[in-house]
Amino acid sequence: MCDTIWQKKDGYSIFLKNSDRAANEPNLCIFSPAGDARGEVQCTYIKIPDKNHRLAVFLVKPSWIWGAEIGINENGVSIGNEAVFTKTHAKKTESLIGMDFVRLGLERGTTAKNAAWEIINLLKEFGQGGNCGFDHEFYYDNSYLISDENEAYILETAGRDYAIKQVKKRANISNRLSLKTDFDESTIEGDFAKKFSASLYTFFSGSGKRMACAAEKLTNLEHYDLSDYFGILRQHTISQQKCFEKGSVKSVCMHAGPLLGDHTTGSMVTIVKNNFISVWTTGSSSPCLSVFKPLIFDKSGNFIAPPVFLNEEDSLNYWLKREKLNRCIYAGFVDLDTWLTETKTLESEFIKNYETLLNEETTNDEWHEFCIECSEKERKLIDKYADIIDKVHTITRPKFWAKLTKKLGKNVFKKDLNERIK
């Protein structure tokens, strides 16, 4: 379960997404540099021919999957995908999965429109299918929100069928087909959502409530304000503490629980204006507890800083350290109010300094120094709790989290489901 959101506001193109996946499934922040064609590219399940050139990309990706849940490329194209529940019957046939389409669209897409049609053409050629679950079998089709500095598109799919619509000013998608007859182009005539939606699964996804919450927030934003966009990804429909204990599928910031398997395991916000690309990401789960850190996109890869890495093992270690702290917070080992005050103070400082630099003639070296400084300050805050983090495996409450934590970090790169759940 996920939510993907876009708005054009005060000259900024703002794209935001939570990646909601299995609670023990690391979402890694990775930079993949531009390069020449690889001949064939091994996606999650199948190999496909590569293109002549691939663009540089920042990705938030599940550890065992080739593709990504969220990303942005050197041209400022951002893409996020959503699981949608449809009546199609080919989902168990291994092919490209939604996350593969996201990465391929980013590596190939020079504009939002171009990326959308890259995905459509790949869908026509290869179809979609294969298990997308980390710790259980989970099959679905996909929808996408695709933006660049100037425009955005919603692309919804069911098997090899699709509908696409250009959106103006703002848009958000979730775990449901939303395009009815209001599309620009489709493989079918009539109501796309009505024809393909599996209504029962769609209802129990909680996506209707989440979509309404996000849409209301977007509509009510008077001006561009980074903290407000972070706040959208932190929304809960019940109290934060109850979310930790019971979970809530209707919250944009999703928490797993005894009856709910999905959990927000990664978050990203991208901002594009005047060809300048900045990215804010947590590198961790639970955006309500995490600090968004800034990164400035440079296609050379010379200016990356944690939480984005070139190496997946390094990204995993970063994610696991923060995940262990989050679980100590769920268990009450850390005072929640104190932690939230510390993180809010730090993040507010980052935003203030970022906005100051935007109004100055800031060099790439100065931007990189700023991003490293923010990363280091967040690391020092995490390290204050090192003794508590070391006690994560003594957690006995909530029982749901105690059980999960025993398997945290194990077999996370294994491609085969049976190997991951050992």
Protein backbone atom coordinates (compact mmCIF):
# COMPACT_ATOMS: atom_id res chain seq x y z
CA MET A 1 0.00 0.00 0.00
CA CYS A 2 1.36 3.43 -0.87
CA ASP A 3 0.52 7.03 -1.70
CA THR A 4 2.07 9.20 -4.40
CA ILE A 5 1.40 12.93 -4.59
CA TRP A 6 2.33 15.83 -6.90
CA GLN A 7 1.71 19.55 -6.94
CA LYS A 8 2.84 22.54 -8.99
CA LYS A 9 3.00 25.45 -6.55
CA ASP A 10 4.68 28.85 -6.68
CA GLY A 11 6.86 27.73 -9.59
CA TYR A 12 7.98 24.52 -7.84
CA SER A 13 7.19 21.00 -9.02
CA ILE A 14 6.88 18.97 -5.81
CA PHE A 15 6.62 15.18 -5.87
CA LEU A 16 6.20 13.11 -2.70
CA LYS A 17 5.72 9.45 -1.95
CA ASN A 18 5.67 6.94 0.87
CA SER A 19 6.73 3.39 0.05
CA ASP A 20 4.51 1.04 2.07
CA ARG A 21 5.81 -2.49 2.10
CA ALA A 22 6.50 -5.39 4.49
CA ALA A 23 7.70 -4.09 7.87
CA ASN A 24 11.01 -6.01 7.71
CA GLU A 25 11.68 -5.09 4.06
CA PRO A 26 14.50 -2.54 3.82
CA ASN A 27 14.03 0.30 1.36
CA LEU A 28 17.47 1.34 0.16
CA CYS A 29 18.47 4.80 -1.10
CA ILE A 30 20.75 4.28 -4.09
CA PHE A 31 22.40 6.48 -6.72
CA SER A 32 22.84 4.81 -10.10
CA PRO A 33 25.11 6.81 -12.44
CA ALA A 34 24.48 7.44 -16.11
CA GLY A 35 26.06 4.96 -18.46
CA ASP A 36 26.15 3.25 -21.81
CA ALA A 37 23.83 0.40 -22.72
CA ARG A 38 24.36 -2.89 -20.86
CA GLY A 39 23.23 -5.01 -23.80
CA GLU A 40 20.64 -6.75 -21.67
CA VAL A 41 19.43 -5.58 -18.30
CA GLN A 42 18.50 -8.14 -15.63
CA CYS A 43 15.33 -6.85 -14.02
CA THR A 44 13.73 -8.53 -11.02
CA TYR A 45 12.58 -11.62 -12.91
CA ILE A 46 13.42 -11.27 -16.60
CA LYS A 47 16.10 -9.84 -18.88
CA ILE A 48 15.19 -7.26 -21.49
CA PRO A 49 17.22 -5.41 -24.14
CA ASP A 50 18.83 -2.23 -22.87
CA LYS A 51 18.76 1.18 -24.56
CA ASN A 52 21.77 3.03 -25.91
CA HIS A 53 22.12 5.27 -22.88
CA ARG A 54 20.72 5.34 -19.35
CA LEU A 55 20.23 8.45 -17.27
CA ALA A 56 21.55 8.97 -13.74
CA VAL A 57 18.93 8.23 -11.06
CA PHE A 58 18.28 8.43 -7.32
CA LEU A 59 16.18 5.46 -6.22
CA VAL A 60 14.34 4.25 -3.14
CA LYS A 61 14.15 0.51 -3.76
CA PRO A 62 13.28 -2.68 -1.88
CA SER A 63 16.49 -4.56 -1.11
CA TRP A 64 15.70 -7.70 -3.16
CA ILE A 65 14.11 -6.00 -6.17
CA TRP A 66 16.00 -4.59 -9.16
CA GLY A 67 13.49 -1.81 -9.65
CA ALA A 68 12.39 0.98 -7.34
CA GLU A 69 9.32 2.30 -5.55
CA ILE A 70 10.30 5.94 -5.98
CA GLY A 71 12.94 7.85 -7.89
CA ILE A 72 14.08 10.89 -9.81
CA ASN A 73 16.48 11.22 -12.73
CA GLU A 74 18.97 13.83 -13.89
CA ASN A 75 16.28 15.55 -15.99
CA GLY A 76 14.02 16.07 -12.99
CA VAL A 77 11.59 13.28 -13.93
CA SER A 78 10.06 11.70 -10.79
CA ILE A 79 8.05 8.46 -10.76
CA GLY A 80 6.23 6.50 -8.07
CA ASN A 81 4.13 3.38 -8.47
CA GLU A 82 1.09 2.04 -6.66
CA ALA A 83 -0.23 -1.48 -6.34
CA VAL A 84 -3.73 -1.64 -7.82
CA PHE A 85 -6.09 -4.56 -7.49
CA THR A 86 -7.65 -5.67 -10.75
CA LYS A 87 -9.57 -8.52 -12.34
CA THR A 88 -6.71 -9.50 -14.67
CA HIS A 89 -5.39 -13.07 -14.53
CA ALA A 90 -1.74 -12.97 -15.66
CA LYS A 91 -0.21 -11.51 -12.50
CA LYS A 92 1.56 -14.72 -11.47
CA THR A 93 3.45 -15.00 -14.77
CA GLU A 94 6.92 -13.63 -14.13
CA SER A 95 7.67 -10.59 -16.25
CA LEU A 96 8.33 -6.95 -15.37
CA ILE A 97 6.89 -5.77 -12.06
CA GLY A 98 5.78 -2.26 -11.15
CA MET A 99 9.09 -1.32 -9.55
CA ASP A 100 10.99 -2.42 -12.67
CA PHE A 101 8.83 -0.08 -14.78
CA VAL A 102 9.65 2.80 -12.41
CA ARG A 103 13.40 2.29 -12.74
CA LEU A 104 13.27 1.73 -16.50
CA GLY A 105 11.12 4.81 -16.95
CA LEU A 106 13.61 6.87 -14.96
CA GLU A 107 16.67 5.50 -16.73
CA ARG A 108 15.12 6.21 -20.14
CA GLY A 109 12.71 9.10 -19.67
CA THR A 110 13.88 12.55 -20.75
CA THR A 111 10.52 14.11 -19.80
CA ALA A 112 7.49 12.97 -17.82
CA LYS A 113 5.59 12.28 -21.04
CA ASN A 114 8.52 10.41 -22.54
CA ALA A 115 8.91 8.30 -19.38
CA ALA A 116 5.20 7.46 -19.38
CA TRP A 117 5.38 6.20 -22.95
CA GLU A 118 8.54 4.23 -22.21
CA ILE A 119 6.51 2.40 -19.55
CA ILE A 120 3.54 1.93 -21.87
CA ASN A 121 5.69 0.50 -24.65
CA LEU A 122 7.42 -1.88 -22.23
CA LEU A 123 4.02 -2.95 -20.92
CA LYS A 124 2.81 -3.68 -24.44
CA GLU A 125 5.92 -5.74 -25.21
CA PHE A 126 6.46 -7.64 -21.97
CA GLY A 127 3.28 -7.36 -19.90
CA GLN A 128 3.53 -7.34 -16.11
CA GLY A 129 3.58 -9.99 -13.44
CA GLY A 130 5.48 -11.77 -10.69
CA ASN A 131 5.43 -11.92 -6.92
CA CYS A 132 5.98 -8.51 -5.34
CA GLY A 133 5.78 -9.63 -1.70
CA PHE A 134 8.83 -9.68 0.56
CA ASP A 135 7.63 -12.26 3.09
CA HIS A 136 4.54 -13.68 1.36
CA GLU A 137 3.14 -14.00 -2.14
CA PHE A 138 1.55 -10.75 -3.31
CA TYR A 139 0.47 -10.10 -6.89
CA TYR A 140 -0.93 -6.89 -8.34
CA ASP A 141 -1.03 -4.53 -11.29
CA ASN A 142 0.24 -0.96 -11.06
CA SER A 143 -0.51 2.71 -11.48
CA TYR A 144 2.05 5.51 -11.76
CA LEU A 145 2.34 9.22 -11.10
CA ILE A 146 5.03 10.71 -13.32
CA SER A 147 6.17 14.34 -13.17
CA ASP A 148 8.86 16.73 -14.36
CA GLU A 149 9.32 20.45 -13.84
CA ASN A 150 6.53 21.36 -16.24
CA GLU A 151 3.86 18.66 -16.21
CA ALA A 152 2.62 15.41 -14.72
CA TYR A 153 0.70 12.30 -15.79
CA ILE A 154 -1.32 9.56 -14.15
CA LEU A 155 -0.83 6.19 -15.85
CA GLU A 156 -3.01 3.28 -14.73
CA THR A 157 -2.67 -0.30 -15.92
CA ALA A 158 -4.50 -3.60 -15.79
CA GLY A 159 -2.60 -6.43 -17.43
CA ARG A 160 -1.50 -4.99 -20.79
CA ASP A 161 -4.30 -2.43 -20.84
CA TYR A 162 -3.73 1.15 -19.75
CA ALA A 163 -5.24 4.61 -19.42
CA ILE A 164 -3.21 7.83 -19.24
CA LYS A 165 -4.14 11.37 -18.30
CA GLN A 166 -2.18 14.60 -18.04
CA VAL A 167 -2.93 16.36 -14.74
CA LYS A 168 -2.83 20.06 -13.91
CA LYS A 169 -1.68 21.79 -10.70
CA ARG A 170 -1.98 18.75 -8.39
CA ALA A 171 -2.73 15.03 -8.29
CA ASN A 172 -2.49 12.04 -5.99
CA ILE A 173 -2.90 8.32 -6.47
CA SER A 174 -3.16 5.35 -4.13
CA ASN A 175 -4.04 1.68 -4.25
CA ARG A 176 -7.00 1.97 -6.58
CA LEU A 177 -7.79 2.68 -10.19
CA SER A 178 -9.03 6.25 -10.36
CA LEU A 179 -9.33 7.03 -14.08
CA LYS A 180 -12.87 6.43 -15.28
CA THR A 181 -13.67 8.00 -18.63
CA ASP A 182 -11.59 11.12 -17.91
CA PHE A 183 -8.42 9.87 -19.59
CA ASP A 184 -6.52 11.30 -22.57
CA GLU A 185 -5.88 7.90 -24.11
CA SER A 186 -6.66 4.28 -23.29
CA THR A 187 -6.68 0.81 -24.79
CA ILE A 188 -10.40 0.57 -24.02
CA GLU A 189 -13.54 2.64 -24.41
CA GLY A 190 -15.70 3.38 -21.40
CA ASP A 191 -14.94 3.43 -17.67
CA PHE A 192 -11.41 2.09 -17.11
CA ALA A 193 -11.67 1.84 -13.31
CA LYS A 194 -15.09 0.18 -13.41
CA LYS A 195 -14.04 -2.37 -16.00
CA PHE A 196 -10.89 -3.57 -14.23
CA SER A 197 -11.17 -2.83 -10.47
CA ALA A 198 -11.34 -5.70 -8.01
CA SER A 199 -13.68 -3.87 -5.67
CA LEU A 200 -13.27 -5.90 -2.48
CA TYR A 201 -9.46 -5.74 -2.40
CA THR A 202 -9.58 -2.07 -3.34
CA PHE A 203 -11.98 -1.29 -0.48
CA PHE A 204 -9.92 -3.05 2.17
CA SER A 205 -6.72 -1.34 1.02
CA GLY A 206 -7.88 1.82 2.79
CA SER A 207 -6.82 3.78 -0.27
CA GLY A 208 -9.99 5.85 -0.48
CA LYS A 209 -9.41 7.39 2.94
CA ARG A 210 -5.73 8.05 2.26
CA MET A 211 -6.43 9.64 -1.11
CA ALA A 212 -9.04 11.93 0.41
CA CYS A 213 -6.68 13.01 3.21
CA ALA A 214 -3.86 13.83 0.81
CA ALA A 215 -6.14 15.63 -1.65
CA GLU A 216 -7.60 17.78 1.11
CA LYS A 217 -4.14 18.77 2.36
CA LEU A 218 -2.98 19.69 -1.14
CA THR A 219 -6.09 21.76 -1.80
CA ASN A 220 -5.67 23.70 1.45
CA LEU A 221 -1.98 24.58 0.98
CA GLU A 222 -1.80 28.30 0.32
CA HIS A 223 1.92 28.48 -0.42
CA TYR A 224 4.88 26.21 -1.08
CA ASP A 225 6.25 25.12 2.30
CA LEU A 226 8.52 22.10 2.62
CA SER A 227 7.43 21.30 6.16
CA ASP A 228 3.81 21.09 4.98
CA TYR A 229 4.72 18.53 2.31
CA PHE A 230 6.65 16.46 4.84
CA GLY A 231 3.56 16.70 7.03
CA ILE A 232 1.37 15.16 4.34
CA LEU A 233 3.57 12.03 4.39
CA ARG A 234 3.29 11.93 8.21
CA GLN A 235 -0.51 11.93 8.47
CA HIS A 236 -2.27 9.50 10.81
CA THR A 237 -6.00 8.86 11.11
CA ILE A 238 -5.64 7.68 14.72
CA SER A 239 -3.17 8.68 17.44
CA GLN A 240 0.49 8.03 16.76
CA GLN A 241 0.83 5.72 19.75
CA LYS A 242 -2.19 3.66 18.66
CA CYS A 243 -0.61 3.36 15.22
CA PHE A 244 2.47 1.80 16.81
CA GLU A 245 0.35 -0.72 18.70
CA LYS A 246 -2.45 -1.56 16.27
CA GLY A 247 -1.38 -0.32 12.86
CA SER A 248 -3.55 1.68 10.48
CA VAL A 249 -4.07 0.95 6.79
CA LYS A 250 -5.99 4.25 6.41
CA SER A 251 -3.04 6.44 7.46
CA VAL A 252 -0.76 8.00 4.84
CA CYS A 253 2.08 7.25 7.28
CA MET A 254 1.25 3.57 7.51
CA HIS A 255 2.16 1.34 10.44
CA ALA A 256 1.96 -2.44 10.41
CA GLY A 257 0.08 -4.25 13.14
CA PRO A 258 -1.29 -7.67 14.08
CA LEU A 259 -3.91 -7.49 11.32
CA LEU A 260 -2.04 -5.20 8.90
CA GLY A 261 1.10 -6.24 7.09
CA ASP A 262 2.16 -3.06 5.31
CA HIS A 263 4.34 -0.35 6.78
CA THR A 264 5.91 2.86 5.45
CA THR A 265 9.49 1.73 4.89
CA GLY A 266 10.80 4.64 2.82
CA SER A 267 9.86 8.21 1.91
CA MET A 268 11.04 10.75 -0.66
CA VAL A 269 10.19 14.32 -1.62
CA THR A 270 11.62 15.86 -4.82
CA ILE A 271 11.59 19.54 -5.76
CA VAL A 272 12.37 20.87 -9.23
CA LYS A 273 12.51 24.55 -10.19
CA ASN A 274 14.51 26.28 -12.91
CA ASN A 275 16.29 22.97 -13.68
CA PHE A 276 17.57 22.77 -10.10
CA ILE A 277 16.79 19.40 -8.50
CA SER A 278 16.76 18.77 -4.77
CA VAL A 279 15.69 15.62 -2.99
CA TRP A 280 14.68 15.06 0.62
CA THR A 281 14.58 11.51 1.92
CA THR A 282 14.53 9.73 5.26
CA GLY A 283 16.55 6.61 4.45
CA SER A 284 14.37 4.91 7.04
CA SER A 285 10.85 3.79 7.80
CA SER A 286 8.14 5.73 9.66
CA PRO A 287 8.41 9.32 8.38
CA CYS A 288 6.53 10.41 11.52
CA LEU A 289 9.69 9.51 13.49
CA SER A 290 12.36 10.21 10.88
CA VAL A 291 14.29 13.25 9.72
CA PHE A 292 14.12 14.26 6.06
CA LYS A 293 17.65 15.03 4.86
CA PRO A 294 18.52 17.10 1.76
CA LEU A 295 20.43 15.99 -1.32
CA ILE A 296 21.27 17.99 -4.41
CA PHE A 297 21.10 16.03 -7.65
CA ASP A 298 24.34 16.01 -9.59
CA LYS A 299 24.51 13.45 -12.38
CA SER A 300 28.23 12.84 -11.86
CA GLY A 301 27.54 11.21 -8.51
CA ASN A 302 30.34 13.24 -6.93
CA PHE A 303 27.99 15.04 -4.56
CA ILE A 304 25.96 12.25 -3.01
CA ALA A 305 25.73 11.96 0.76
CA PRO A 306 23.96 9.63 3.19
CA PRO A 307 21.21 8.52 3.18
CA VAL A 308 21.96 7.93 -0.53
CA PHE A 309 24.74 5.46 -1.36
CA LEU A 310 26.39 3.79 -4.31
CA ASN A 311 26.60 0.50 -2.43
CA GLU A 312 23.47 -1.39 -1.35
CA GLU A 313 25.14 -2.93 1.71
CA ASP A 314 26.02 0.54 3.02
CA SER A 315 22.45 1.69 2.44
CA LEU A 316 21.11 -1.38 4.24
CA ASN A 317 23.26 -0.71 7.31
CA TYR A 318 22.03 2.89 7.36
CA TRP A 319 18.38 1.78 7.15
CA LEU A 320 18.75 -0.98 9.76
CA LYS A 321 20.31 1.32 12.35
CA ARG A 322 17.36 3.71 12.14
CA GLU A 323 14.86 0.89 11.99
CA LYS A 324 16.18 -0.53 15.25
CA LEU A 325 15.80 2.86 16.89
CA ASN A 326 12.23 3.18 15.58
CA ARG A 327 11.34 -0.16 17.12
CA CYS A 328 12.82 0.92 20.43
CA ILE A 329 10.53 3.96 20.22
CA TYR A 330 7.51 1.73 19.52
CA ALA A 331 8.45 -0.30 22.61
CA GLY A 332 8.70 2.78 24.83
CA PHE A 333 12.48 2.56 25.33
CA VAL A 334 12.69 6.18 24.10
CA ASP A 335 10.45 9.01 25.24
CA LEU A 336 8.34 9.87 22.18
CA ASP A 337 7.84 13.57 22.95
CA THR A 338 11.56 14.13 23.53
CA TRP A 339 12.45 12.36 20.29
CA LEU A 340 9.90 14.31 18.24
CA THR A 341 11.16 17.61 19.66
CA GLU A 342 14.75 16.71 18.75
CA THR A 343 13.89 15.62 15.21
CA LYS A 344 11.61 18.57 14.51
CA THR A 345 14.27 21.02 15.70
CA LEU A 346 16.90 19.42 13.49
CA GLU A 347 14.72 19.21 10.40
CA SER A 348 13.58 22.83 10.80
CA GLU A 349 17.23 23.88 10.88
CA PHE A 350 17.90 21.94 7.67
CA ILE A 351 14.98 23.59 5.88
CA LYS A 352 15.94 27.09 7.03
CA ASN A 353 19.56 26.71 5.89
CA TYR A 354 18.49 25.10 2.62
CA GLU A 355 16.22 28.03 1.79
CA THR A 356 19.00 30.48 2.62
CA LEU A 357 21.33 28.71 0.21
CA LEU A 358 18.66 28.73 -2.51
CA ASN A 359 18.66 32.51 -2.40
CA GLU A 360 22.42 32.76 -2.75
CA GLU A 361 24.85 31.93 -5.55
CA THR A 362 25.72 28.57 -4.06
CA THR A 363 28.29 26.32 -5.76
CA ASN A 364 28.02 22.55 -6.05
CA ASP A 365 30.82 22.20 -3.52
CA GLU A 366 28.92 24.39 -1.06
CA TRP A 367 25.73 22.40 -1.60
CA HIS A 368 27.60 19.17 -1.03
CA GLU A 369 29.15 20.54 2.17
CA PHE A 370 25.66 21.50 3.37
CA CYS A 371 24.22 18.04 2.62
CA ILE A 372 27.12 16.31 4.38
CA GLU A 373 26.66 18.62 7.38
CA CYS A 374 22.95 17.76 7.61
CA SER A 375 23.72 14.06 7.30
CA GLU A 376 26.32 14.25 10.07
CA LYS A 377 24.01 16.13 12.42
CA GLU A 378 21.31 13.51 11.99
CA ARG A 379 23.88 10.73 12.51
CA LYS A 380 25.00 12.31 15.78
CA LEU A 381 21.39 12.43 16.96
CA ILE A 382 20.95 8.73 16.15
CA ASP A 383 24.24 7.89 17.87
CA LYS A 384 23.00 9.50 21.10
CA TYR A 385 20.73 6.47 21.36
CA ALA A 386 23.38 3.84 20.55
CA ASP A 387 23.01 2.08 23.91
CA ILE A 388 19.26 1.84 23.46
CA ILE A 389 19.60 0.62 19.86
CA ASP A 390 21.81 -2.20 21.13
CA LYS A 391 18.88 -3.41 23.24
CA VAL A 392 16.51 -3.81 20.29
CA HIS A 393 16.52 -7.61 20.50
CA THR A 394 15.32 -7.48 24.10
CA ILE A 395 12.02 -5.93 22.99
CA THR A 396 9.00 -7.85 24.25
CA ARG A 397 6.31 -5.28 23.42
CA PRO A 398 4.31 -4.72 21.37
CA LYS A 399 4.30 -8.48 20.71
CA PHE A 400 3.83 -7.99 16.98
CA TRP A 401 7.03 -5.93 16.72
CA ALA A 402 8.99 -8.18 19.09
CA LYS A 403 8.32 -11.16 16.82
CA LEU A 404 9.26 -9.27 13.66
CA THR A 405 12.45 -7.87 15.15
CA LYS A 406 13.89 -11.35 15.64
CA LYS A 407 14.11 -11.66 11.84
CA LEU A 408 15.09 -8.07 11.07
CA GLY A 409 17.93 -7.80 8.53
CA LYS A 410 18.00 -11.49 7.60
CA ASN A 411 18.10 -12.69 3.97
CA VAL A 412 17.01 -9.30 2.66
CA PHE A 413 18.87 -9.58 -0.66
CA LYS A 414 17.64 -13.10 -1.52
CA LYS A 415 15.70 -13.15 -4.79
CA ASP A 416 13.68 -16.26 -3.95
CA LEU A 417 10.77 -15.89 -1.51
CA ASN A 418 11.52 -19.20 0.19
CA GLU A 419 15.07 -18.03 0.87
CA ARG A 420 13.89 -14.72 2.32
CA ILE A 421 11.48 -16.30 4.79
CA LYS A 422 13.87 -18.90 6.20
